[in-house]
Protein backbone atom coordinates (compact mmCIF):
# COMPACT_ATOMS: atom_id res chain seq x y z
CA MET A 1 56.68 143.12 127.36
CA THR A 2 59.19 145.24 126.04
CA LYS A 3 62.50 144.72 124.19
CA LYS A 4 64.66 146.04 127.08
CA ARG A 5 62.87 143.71 129.84
CA THR A 6 63.25 140.58 127.49
CA LYS A 7 66.94 141.48 126.97
CA ASN A 8 67.69 141.93 130.57
CA SER A 9 65.74 138.68 131.44
CA THR A 10 68.04 136.68 129.30
CA ARG A 11 71.02 137.59 131.31
CA VAL A 12 69.81 135.98 134.54
CA SER A 13 69.90 132.11 135.34
CA LEU A 14 67.89 129.87 133.75
CA SER A 15 66.17 128.83 137.07
CA THR A 16 65.28 132.72 137.36
CA ARG A 17 63.83 132.88 134.18
CA ALA A 18 61.84 129.76 134.65
CA LEU A 19 60.37 131.28 137.98
CA HIS A 20 59.79 134.81 136.80
CA GLY A 21 59.88 135.13 133.00
CA THR A 22 60.36 138.51 131.57
CA LYS A 23 58.64 140.23 134.78
CA LEU A 24 62.11 141.29 136.29
CA TYR A 25 60.44 144.28 138.02
CA PRO A 26 58.14 145.65 140.50
CA HIS A 27 54.37 145.21 139.59
CA LYS A 28 51.22 144.17 141.28
CA ALA A 29 50.11 140.68 140.40
CA PRO A 30 49.35 137.38 141.92
CA VAL A 31 52.28 135.36 142.76
CA ALA A 32 50.90 132.21 141.09
CA PHE A 33 49.84 132.92 137.40
CA PRO A 34 46.10 132.36 137.50
CA ILE A 35 44.11 129.62 135.54
CA TYR A 36 42.01 131.21 132.76
CA GLN A 37 39.89 128.42 132.69
CA THR A 38 37.61 129.75 129.93
CA SER A 39 36.89 128.70 126.65
CA THR A 40 35.75 132.38 125.27
CA TYR A 41 36.21 135.95 125.97
CA ARG A 42 34.28 138.95 126.56
CA PHE A 43 34.53 142.05 124.41
CA GLU A 44 34.41 145.27 125.86
CA SER A 45 33.01 146.42 122.71
CA SER A 46 32.55 145.47 119.09
CA GLU A 47 35.62 147.35 118.34
CA ASP A 48 37.70 144.39 119.97
CA ALA A 49 36.23 142.21 117.50
CA ILE A 50 37.33 144.41 114.69
CA ARG A 51 40.82 144.60 116.11
CA TYR A 52 41.08 140.89 116.15
CA ALA A 53 39.78 140.90 112.35
CA LYS A 54 42.18 143.20 111.32
CA GLY A 55 45.08 140.92 112.92
CA ASP A 56 45.55 142.17 116.33
CA PRO A 57 47.24 139.50 118.30
CA THR A 58 46.27 141.20 121.53
CA VAL A 59 42.71 140.52 121.41
CA PHE A 60 41.69 137.27 123.18
CA VAL A 61 38.79 135.48 121.31
CA TYR A 62 38.70 132.02 121.90
CA SER A 63 41.30 129.52 123.75
CA ARG A 64 41.82 127.19 120.79
CA TYR A 65 43.62 130.26 119.42
CA HIS A 66 45.32 131.57 122.54
CA ASN A 67 44.81 131.70 126.22
CA PRO A 68 46.34 134.07 129.18
CA THR A 69 47.74 131.03 131.04
CA VAL A 70 49.04 129.13 127.98
CA GLN A 71 50.44 132.52 126.87
CA GLU A 72 52.37 132.84 130.12
CA VAL A 73 54.17 129.68 130.09
CA GLU A 74 55.08 129.87 126.19
CA GLU A 75 56.71 133.32 126.93
CA LYS A 76 58.56 131.59 129.72
CA ILE A 77 59.85 128.65 127.68
CA ALA A 78 60.79 130.73 125.06
CA LEU A 79 62.87 132.85 127.39
CA LEU A 80 64.70 129.58 128.63
CA TYR A 81 65.92 128.98 124.88
CA GLY A 82 66.91 132.40 124.40
CA ALA A 83 64.11 132.13 121.49
CA GLU A 84 61.81 134.83 120.05
CA ASP A 85 58.62 132.39 120.32
CA ALA A 86 57.28 129.15 121.52
CA VAL A 87 53.95 127.32 121.06
CA LEU A 88 52.43 125.01 123.41
CA PHE A 89 50.31 121.87 122.40
CA SER A 90 48.20 119.11 123.94
CA SER A 91 51.09 116.49 123.67
CA GLY A 92 54.59 116.19 122.38
CA MET A 93 53.10 114.33 119.16
CA ALA A 94 50.79 117.08 118.38
CA ALA A 95 53.59 119.29 118.70
CA ILE A 96 55.60 117.41 116.19
CA THR A 97 52.98 116.66 114.02
CA THR A 98 51.65 120.13 113.76
CA THR A 99 55.23 121.54 113.04
CA ILE A 100 55.96 119.00 110.36
CA LEU A 101 52.40 119.85 108.52
CA ALA A 102 53.15 123.49 108.79
CA ILE A 103 56.25 123.22 106.85
CA ALA A 104 56.05 120.50 104.57
CA LYS A 105 53.88 120.21 101.71
CA PRO A 106 53.06 117.57 99.13
CA GLY A 107 56.11 116.76 96.95
CA ASN A 108 58.56 117.64 99.80
CA THR A 109 60.97 115.45 101.45
CA ILE A 110 62.21 115.19 105.12
CA LEU A 111 65.75 113.88 105.76
CA SER A 112 65.50 112.18 108.95
CA THR A 113 68.45 110.27 111.14
CA PRO A 114 66.85 106.61 111.76
CA ALA A 115 66.68 106.31 115.44
CA LEU A 116 63.67 108.47 116.53
CA TYR A 117 61.03 108.16 119.43
CA GLY A 118 58.90 105.22 118.00
CA GLY A 119 55.56 107.17 117.61
CA THR A 120 57.49 109.83 115.45
CA TYR A 121 58.93 107.25 113.39
CA ARG A 122 55.67 105.26 113.02
CA TRP A 123 54.04 108.52 111.94
CA PHE A 124 56.90 109.41 109.21
CA ARG A 125 56.62 105.55 108.11
CA ASP A 126 52.62 104.89 108.24
CA GLU A 127 51.24 108.45 107.68
CA LEU A 128 53.37 111.05 106.13
CA HIS A 129 53.09 109.60 102.50
CA HIS A 130 49.34 109.97 102.73
CA TYR A 131 50.00 113.67 102.42
CA GLY A 132 52.51 113.24 99.74
CA ILE A 133 55.52 113.89 101.85
CA ASN A 134 58.65 111.63 101.51
CA VAL A 135 61.07 110.74 104.23
CA ARG A 136 64.66 109.66 103.48
CA ILE A 137 67.04 108.33 106.31
CA ILE A 138 70.49 109.97 106.57
CA ASP A 139 73.55 108.27 108.23
CA PRO A 140 73.81 110.06 111.93
CA HIS A 141 77.38 109.46 111.96
CA ASN A 142 78.26 110.62 108.50
CA LEU A 143 76.12 114.17 108.42
CA ALA A 144 77.75 114.84 104.86
CA THR A 145 74.66 112.69 103.67
CA ILE A 146 72.61 115.86 104.45
CA VAL A 147 74.03 117.72 101.65
CA GLU A 148 74.44 114.70 99.49
CA TYR A 149 70.78 113.74 99.49
CA ALA A 150 69.36 117.20 99.64
CA ASP A 151 67.49 118.30 96.68
CA THR A 152 64.75 120.83 95.50
CA THR A 153 62.09 118.89 97.40
CA THR A 154 63.89 118.94 100.63
CA CYS A 155 62.33 121.10 103.25
CA ILE A 156 63.45 119.72 106.84
CA VAL A 157 66.47 117.97 108.42
CA TYR A 158 64.95 115.96 111.40
CA PHE A 159 66.65 114.43 114.36
CA GLU A 160 66.78 113.79 118.14
CA THR A 161 69.92 113.59 120.34
CA PRO A 162 70.32 111.98 122.72
CA THR A 163 68.16 109.38 121.04
CA ASN A 164 65.09 107.14 122.24
CA PRO A 165 65.77 104.64 123.68
CA THR A 166 69.64 104.00 122.85
CA LEU A 167 70.85 107.12 124.00
CA ASP A 168 72.69 107.65 120.63
CA ILE A 169 74.56 111.06 120.44
CA ILE A 170 74.23 113.19 117.22
CA ASP A 171 76.69 116.01 116.80
CA ILE A 172 74.18 119.18 117.10
CA THR A 173 76.48 121.98 115.66
CA GLU A 174 77.46 119.34 112.75
CA VAL A 175 73.92 119.09 111.83
CA ALA A 176 73.49 123.03 111.84
CA GLN A 177 76.50 123.21 109.51
CA GLN A 178 75.41 120.43 106.94
CA THR A 179 71.91 121.75 106.81
CA ALA A 180 73.33 125.35 105.93
CA ARG A 181 75.49 123.67 103.22
CA ALA A 182 72.40 121.98 101.78
CA ARG A 183 70.74 125.18 101.95
CA ALA A 184 73.39 126.78 99.65
CA LYS A 185 73.47 123.54 97.53
CA ILE A 186 69.83 123.75 96.51
CA GLY A 187 69.18 127.46 96.98
CA LYS A 188 66.05 127.16 98.92
CA PRO A 189 65.27 127.01 102.72
CA ILE A 190 65.66 123.85 104.60
CA LEU A 191 64.85 123.94 108.37
CA SER A 192 66.70 121.86 111.05
CA ILE A 193 64.50 120.45 113.78
CA ILE A 194 65.65 118.51 116.79
CA ASP A 195 63.49 116.74 119.43
CA ASN A 196 65.14 117.96 122.58
CA THR A 197 63.09 115.98 124.89
CA PHE A 198 65.69 113.71 126.40
CA GLY A 199 67.99 116.50 126.55
CA THR A 200 66.10 119.36 127.61
CA VAL A 201 66.99 122.94 127.63
CA VAL A 202 68.74 122.39 131.02
CA ASN A 203 71.35 119.76 129.50
CA GLN A 204 71.39 121.56 125.83
CA ASN A 205 70.36 124.25 123.78
CA PRO A 206 70.41 123.39 120.15
CA LEU A 207 69.33 127.08 119.19
CA GLU A 208 72.57 128.02 120.50
CA MET A 209 74.30 125.49 118.15
CA GLY A 210 72.45 126.70 115.06
CA ILE A 211 69.40 124.44 114.77
CA ASP A 212 66.26 126.32 113.72
CA VAL A 213 63.55 124.56 116.04
CA CYS A 214 63.28 122.82 119.18
CA ILE A 215 60.52 120.48 120.13
CA GLU A 216 59.99 118.92 123.39
CA SER A 217 57.53 116.53 124.82
CA ALA A 218 56.73 118.81 127.84
CA THR A 219 54.91 115.79 129.52
CA LYS A 220 58.23 114.64 130.04
CA TYR A 221 61.07 116.61 132.17
CA ILE A 222 59.21 120.06 131.62
CA GLY A 223 56.01 118.76 133.11
CA GLY A 224 57.91 116.42 135.27
CA HIS A 225 55.32 114.88 137.76
CA HIS A 226 53.41 112.40 135.35
CA ASP A 227 50.23 114.39 135.74
CA LEU A 228 50.04 116.15 132.29
CA LEU A 229 50.12 115.92 128.55
CA ALA A 230 51.98 118.58 126.86
CA GLY A 231 54.25 119.40 124.17
CA VAL A 232 56.26 122.70 123.02
CA VAL A 233 57.68 124.08 119.89
CA VAL A 234 60.47 126.88 120.03
CA GLY A 235 61.87 129.03 117.21
CA GLN A 236 61.79 132.16 115.61
CA ASN A 237 58.59 134.33 115.38
CA ALA A 238 57.91 133.61 111.58
CA LEU A 239 57.93 129.79 111.91
CA CYS A 240 56.00 129.90 115.50
CA ASN A 241 53.13 132.23 113.87
CA ARG A 242 52.86 129.54 110.99
CA VAL A 243 52.64 126.65 113.48
CA ARG A 244 50.18 128.39 115.68
CA ASN A 245 48.03 129.39 112.58
CA VAL A 246 47.97 125.71 111.44
CA ALA A 247 47.32 124.38 115.24
CA LYS A 248 44.09 126.56 114.95
CA TYR A 249 42.86 124.23 112.39
CA LEU A 250 44.18 120.74 113.72
CA GLY A 251 43.11 121.75 117.07
CA GLY A 252 46.04 120.38 119.29
CA CYS A 253 45.81 123.49 121.91
CA LEU A 254 46.83 123.03 125.30
CA ASP A 255 44.15 123.11 127.99
CA PRO A 256 44.95 126.21 130.34
CA PHE A 257 45.05 123.93 133.44
CA ALA A 258 47.64 121.66 132.11
CA ALA A 259 49.57 125.18 131.19
CA PHE A 260 49.16 126.07 134.90
CA LEU A 261 50.54 122.89 136.01
CA LEU A 262 53.42 123.26 133.57
CA ASN A 263 53.97 126.92 135.02
CA ARG A 264 54.50 125.09 138.47
CA SER A 265 56.96 122.92 137.06
CA LEU A 266 58.94 125.30 135.33
CA ALA A 267 59.72 126.58 138.95
CA THR A 268 61.64 123.46 139.98
CA LEU A 269 62.93 122.23 136.30
CA GLU A 270 66.74 122.93 136.68
CA LEU A 271 66.73 121.46 140.14
CA ARG A 272 64.97 118.41 139.18
CA VAL A 273 67.02 117.93 135.90
CA LEU A 274 70.17 118.56 137.83
CA GLN A 275 68.98 115.63 140.31
CA HIS A 276 67.81 113.41 137.31
CA ASN A 277 71.48 113.72 136.01
CA ALA A 278 73.06 112.75 139.17
CA ASN A 279 71.13 109.85 139.87
CA ALA A 280 71.20 108.64 136.43
CA PHE A 281 75.15 108.84 136.46
CA THR A 282 75.36 107.29 139.63
CA LEU A 283 73.08 104.52 138.91
CA ALA A 284 74.49 103.78 135.31
CA LYS A 285 78.21 103.38 136.79
CA ALA A 286 76.79 100.80 139.41
CA LEU A 287 74.92 98.96 136.99
CA GLU A 288 78.13 98.78 134.66
CA ASN A 289 79.58 96.57 137.05
CA HIS A 290 76.62 94.13 137.32
CA PRO A 291 77.29 90.62 135.83
CA LYS A 292 73.65 90.20 134.65
CA VAL A 293 74.27 93.42 132.39
CA LYS A 294 75.88 93.37 129.18
CA ARG A 295 76.01 96.66 128.40
CA VAL A 296 74.92 100.04 129.77
CA LEU A 297 74.02 102.98 127.32
CA TYR A 298 74.55 106.34 129.29
CA PRO A 299 76.23 109.24 127.31
CA GLY A 300 77.91 110.26 130.42
CA LEU A 301 79.88 107.21 130.70
CA PRO A 302 83.36 106.94 128.98
CA SER A 303 82.35 103.46 127.69
CA HIS A 304 79.72 105.36 125.76
CA PRO A 305 80.79 105.46 122.14
CA TYR A 306 80.00 109.11 121.58
CA HIS A 307 80.97 110.50 125.23
CA ARG A 308 83.53 112.93 123.75
CA ILE A 309 80.51 114.50 121.61
CA ALA A 310 78.11 114.59 124.46
CA LYS A 311 80.71 116.17 126.60
CA ARG A 312 81.13 118.83 124.14
CA GLN A 313 77.61 119.70 123.57
CA MET A 314 75.93 118.84 126.68
CA ARG A 315 75.86 120.49 130.12
CA GLY A 316 74.85 117.21 131.60
CA PHE A 317 74.01 113.90 130.46
CA GLY A 318 70.36 113.51 131.39
CA GLY A 319 68.15 111.20 133.36
CA MET A 320 67.90 108.33 130.80
CA VAL A 321 69.73 105.17 131.19
CA THR A 322 69.41 102.05 128.98
CA ILE A 323 70.56 98.59 129.75
CA GLU A 324 70.94 95.29 127.65
CA LEU A 325 70.85 92.15 129.69
CA GLN A 326 73.15 89.09 129.47
CA PRO A 327 71.75 86.04 127.72
CA SER A 328 69.89 84.02 130.14
CA ARG A 329 69.61 80.13 130.49
CA LYS A 330 65.91 80.30 131.63
CA TYR A 331 64.42 83.31 129.63
CA THR A 332 64.43 84.58 126.12
CA PRO A 333 65.83 88.30 126.15
CA ALA A 334 62.45 89.72 126.26
CA GLU A 335 61.33 87.38 128.90
CA ALA A 336 64.26 88.48 130.95
CA ALA A 337 63.72 92.10 130.67
CA ALA A 338 60.10 91.70 131.49
CA HIS A 339 61.26 89.38 134.60
CA VAL A 340 63.69 92.09 135.62
CA CYS A 341 61.02 94.77 135.46
CA ASP A 342 58.40 92.70 137.46
CA SER A 343 60.95 92.17 140.14
CA LEU A 344 61.49 95.81 140.81
CA ASN A 345 59.94 97.51 144.11
CA VAL A 346 60.89 101.21 144.13
CA ALA A 347 61.05 101.66 140.17
CA VAL A 348 57.71 101.83 138.51
CA ASN A 349 56.84 99.48 135.53
CA ALA A 350 55.14 102.06 133.40
CA MET A 351 55.49 103.64 129.69
CA SER A 352 56.90 107.21 130.16
CA LEU A 353 59.74 109.18 131.25
CA GLY A 354 61.07 112.51 132.83
CA GLY A 355 58.87 112.41 136.02
CA VAL A 356 59.92 112.10 139.50
CA GLU A 357 59.42 108.53 139.81
CA THR A 358 61.83 106.14 138.47
CA LEU A 359 60.08 104.38 135.54
CA VAL A 360 61.16 101.33 133.69
CA SER A 361 60.05 99.97 130.17
CA ILE A 362 60.84 97.57 127.54
CA PRO A 363 61.38 99.34 124.00
CA VAL A 364 60.18 96.10 121.97
CA PHE A 365 56.72 96.56 123.78
CA SER A 366 56.51 100.15 124.24
CA SER A 367 58.10 103.03 122.36
CA HIS A 368 59.26 100.61 119.78
CA VAL A 369 56.42 98.06 119.47
CA PHE A 370 55.13 97.20 116.08
CA MET A 371 58.37 97.31 114.09
CA SER A 372 59.99 94.68 112.33
CA ASP A 373 63.32 92.82 113.24
CA SER A 374 65.10 95.16 110.52
CA GLU A 375 63.50 98.35 111.86
CA LEU A 376 64.60 97.59 115.43
CA ALA A 377 68.22 96.49 114.27
CA ARG A 378 68.18 100.04 112.37
CA HIS A 379 67.43 101.75 115.53
CA GLY A 380 69.81 99.86 117.82
CA VAL A 381 66.99 98.25 119.72
CA SER A 382 67.24 94.72 120.85
CA PRO A 383 64.57 92.42 122.55
CA GLY A 384 66.85 92.50 125.98
CA MET A 385 66.83 96.11 126.51
CA ILE A 386 65.34 97.95 129.48
CA ARG A 387 64.78 101.71 129.25
CA ILE A 388 65.23 103.40 132.80
CA SER A 389 63.78 107.03 133.44
CA VAL A 390 65.82 107.56 136.60
CA GLY A 391 63.73 109.45 139.04
CA LEU A 392 64.53 111.24 142.15
CA GLU A 393 64.54 108.54 144.96
CA GLY A 394 67.39 108.08 146.99
CA ILE A 395 70.12 106.78 144.97
CA ASP A 396 71.30 103.89 147.22
CA ASP A 397 67.34 102.81 147.11
CA LEU A 398 67.60 102.61 143.38
CA ILE A 399 70.89 100.75 143.34
CA ASN A 400 69.62 98.15 145.67
CA ASP A 401 66.39 97.75 144.00
CA PHE A 402 67.89 97.32 140.32
CA THR A 403 70.64 94.91 141.95
CA GLN A 404 67.98 92.54 143.56
CA ALA A 405 66.06 92.34 140.60
CA LEU A 406 69.07 91.61 138.35
CA ASP A 407 69.98 89.02 140.88
CA THR A 408 66.86 87.10 140.25
CA LEU A 409 67.86 86.17 136.83
CA ARG A 410 69.18 82.78 135.86
């Protein structure tokens, strides 16, 4: 891959980059990139081993280190973001944990917004202190607290937007600017890291807004079919090399077949996300008018408290919708949410998101389980919430399905 080809490749559309990567020139190759389903690689001679020992990254040795199928997809995702590099993992959590541990050291502090994916939050809460790493919560809507709280122990500012599951919106450019001020204050590097799973590179590119590192659970929209687990980290070469090196020891590498499936999914990524956006927006508007729905959380609705920020930094508003139910005479809030989910016929009651099928889940039983009432309040999560990952079914079918399920509430 030459610099010239990389530069030319970034000028074409996102869909063309997702399909062809950097190879926008005549060449002989299979149309579908092959699966290198191997754990290890032949050397032509021991000279290859010597080159590897001297640090030559082009020598394939062992698929926990690197693999041609995985590398092909890493290059494409990096190109989608206009980034120098990307590293794939066996899950989104493997991407998050490996990246954090590659950067933070004992005695370091992470500044984090309060509303995070539950798995990330619980890892921050329950595990990081075993590594001597501290987490301090900043105010997501008073980002000057980044500078206020930053000290010589600070190494990371971590956040996500839109948030899971409340679809809160955080000003990405402001995070980048306040992180830069914090760096200047303490005279040491601080990396800004975003979980971009809900947004996806189709709807927003935080690297273009000054964020240092993007992480996505590629299980979700990049994979898009509920048939694989993967995670990806995107950023500069130096950071990705550090993360890749730590990944060798932690072992969360991506399997070549999962990479093959991701490569297949990239071909339709933009088409799928645009339709997710359209279906979610239409469903959110319809649910806003249902008498059994107390409120609808969707960044594309003018009723969303941070709609203006979302409109400024997002190209589309995503495929996630969260609803909170009105009080019921017959059910507790959590029972009402369960009753609605159990009454759906088209939407599937399952704990994931980002795939072609519409999925529903109840955050207090799924992403935000094992949290105290005060923690749930800090995250903005209530027992009567239902998170909807809007899929690609006919939109009238989805509206009719949710309407009939909600109508059964008493």
